[in-house]
């Protein structure tokens, strides 16, 4: 029986390096999503200020404010 290898590629949100679940040195969860990193330094930098490294949701050039009802 062959094992299925998950070959999906993810981008390290800090430095932009492409990593897979297999090649990632570290991972972290933020708001229910898992992020993969090429180095522990990238993970630590991300955890200090994750919003700095995440793209804001934009629709028609407007950033959505989820704090308002």
C-alpha atoms as a PDB file:
ATOM      1  CA  UNK A   1       0.000   0.000   0.000  1.00  0.00           C
ATOM      2  CA  UNK A   2       1.399   3.382  -1.003  1.00  0.00           C
ATOM      3  CA  UNK A   3       1.212   6.341   1.328  1.00  0.00           C
ATOM      4  CA  UNK A   4      -0.167   9.533  -0.129  1.00  0.00           C
ATOM      5  CA  UNK A   5       2.327  12.360   0.080  1.00  0.00           C
ATOM      6  CA  UNK A   6       0.870  15.821   0.569  1.00  0.00           C
ATOM      7  CA  UNK A   7       2.899  17.831  -1.929  1.00  0.00           C
ATOM      8  CA  UNK A   8       0.991  21.097  -1.608  1.00  0.00           C
ATOM      9  CA  UNK A   9       3.235  24.117  -1.457  1.00  0.00           C
ATOM     10  CA  UNK A  10       2.723  26.942   1.012  1.00  0.00           C
ATOM     11  CA  UNK A  11       4.461  30.307   1.223  1.00  0.00           C
ATOM     12  CA  UNK A  12       6.239  31.262   4.433  1.00  0.00           C
ATOM     13  CA  UNK A  13       4.345  34.472   5.347  1.00  0.00           C
ATOM     14  CA  UNK A  14       7.479  36.156   6.726  1.00  0.00           C
ATOM     15  CA  UNK A  15      10.116  35.634   4.040  1.00  0.00           C
ATOM     16  CA  UNK A  16       8.095  34.232   1.132  1.00  0.00           C
ATOM     17  CA  UNK A  17      10.003  30.943   0.802  1.00  0.00           C
ATOM     18  CA  UNK A  18       7.940  28.075  -0.614  1.00  0.00           C
ATOM     19  CA  UNK A  19       7.639  25.143   1.793  1.00  0.00           C
ATOM     20  CA  UNK A  20       5.520  22.015   2.048  1.00  0.00           C
ATOM     21  CA  UNK A  21       4.306  20.262   5.165  1.00  0.00           C
ATOM     22  CA  UNK A  22       7.265  17.917   4.755  1.00  0.00           C
ATOM     23  CA  UNK A  23       9.960  20.570   4.233  1.00  0.00           C
ATOM     24  CA  UNK A  24       8.636  23.110   6.754  1.00  0.00           C
ATOM     25  CA  UNK A  25      10.879  23.540   9.791  1.00  0.00           C
ATOM     26  CA  UNK A  26       8.051  24.950  11.914  1.00  0.00           C
ATOM     27  CA  UNK A  27       4.330  25.622  11.879  1.00  0.00           C
ATOM     28  CA  UNK A  28       1.933  27.807  13.857  1.00  0.00           C
ATOM     29  CA  UNK A  29      -1.806  28.277  14.026  1.00  0.00           C
ATOM     30  CA  UNK A  30      -3.397  31.717  13.902  1.00  0.00           C
ATOM     31  CA  UNK A  31      -7.157  32.325  13.848  1.00  0.00           C
ATOM     32  CA  UNK A  32      -7.840  28.712  12.896  1.00  0.00           C
ATOM     33  CA  UNK A  33      -5.371  28.553  10.002  1.00  0.00           C
ATOM     34  CA  UNK A  34      -2.036  26.737   9.979  1.00  0.00           C
ATOM     35  CA  UNK A  35       1.016  28.556   8.620  1.00  0.00           C
ATOM     36  CA  UNK A  36       4.266  26.831   7.638  1.00  0.00           C
ATOM     37  CA  UNK A  37       7.755  28.303   7.995  1.00  0.00           C
ATOM     38  CA  UNK A  38      11.191  27.660   6.512  1.00  0.00           C
ATOM     39  CA  UNK A  39      12.977  28.509   9.786  1.00  0.00           C
ATOM     40  CA  UNK A  40      12.249  28.940  13.479  1.00  0.00           C
ATOM     41  CA  UNK A  41      13.225  32.607  13.193  1.00  0.00           C
ATOM     42  CA  UNK A  42      10.405  33.182  10.703  1.00  0.00           C
ATOM     43  CA  UNK A  43       7.924  31.483  13.021  1.00  0.00           C
ATOM     44  CA  UNK A  44       9.013  33.587  16.015  1.00  0.00           C
ATOM     45  CA  UNK A  45       8.838  36.796  13.958  1.00  0.00           C
ATOM     46  CA  UNK A  46       5.326  35.854  12.757  1.00  0.00           C
ATOM     47  CA  UNK A  47       4.083  35.090  16.276  1.00  0.00           C
ATOM     48  CA  UNK A  48       5.258  38.494  17.562  1.00  0.00           C
ATOM     49  CA  UNK A  49       3.100  40.416  15.063  1.00  0.00           C
ATOM     50  CA  UNK A  50       1.067  38.094  12.806  1.00  0.00           C
ATOM     51  CA  UNK A  51      -1.067  40.900  11.345  1.00  0.00           C
ATOM     52  CA  UNK A  52       2.052  42.462   9.885  1.00  0.00           C
ATOM     53  CA  UNK A  53       2.576  39.391   7.682  1.00  0.00           C
ATOM     54  CA  UNK A  54      -0.992  38.569   6.694  1.00  0.00           C
ATOM     55  CA  UNK A  55      -2.646  40.203   3.739  1.00  0.00           C
ATOM     56  CA  UNK A  56      -5.732  42.152   4.590  1.00  0.00           C
ATOM     57  CA  UNK A  57      -8.932  41.058   2.901  1.00  0.00           C
ATOM     58  CA  UNK A  58      -9.633  43.509   0.137  1.00  0.00           C
ATOM     59  CA  UNK A  59     -12.678  43.759  -2.040  1.00  0.00           C
ATOM     60  CA  UNK A  60     -12.771  46.473  -4.678  1.00  0.00           C
ATOM     61  CA  UNK A  61      -9.849  48.205  -2.975  1.00  0.00           C
ATOM     62  CA  UNK A  62     -11.570  48.541   0.403  1.00  0.00           C
ATOM     63  CA  UNK A  63     -10.235  46.883   3.546  1.00  0.00           C
ATOM     64  CA  UNK A  64     -13.052  45.247   5.472  1.00  0.00           C
ATOM     65  CA  UNK A  65     -13.374  46.141   9.132  1.00  0.00           C
ATOM     66  CA  UNK A  66     -14.709  43.063  10.939  1.00  0.00           C
ATOM     67  CA  UNK A  67     -15.008  44.918  14.257  1.00  0.00           C
ATOM     68  CA  UNK A  68     -18.072  46.869  13.127  1.00  0.00           C
ATOM     69  CA  UNK A  69     -21.515  45.294  12.984  1.00  0.00           C
END
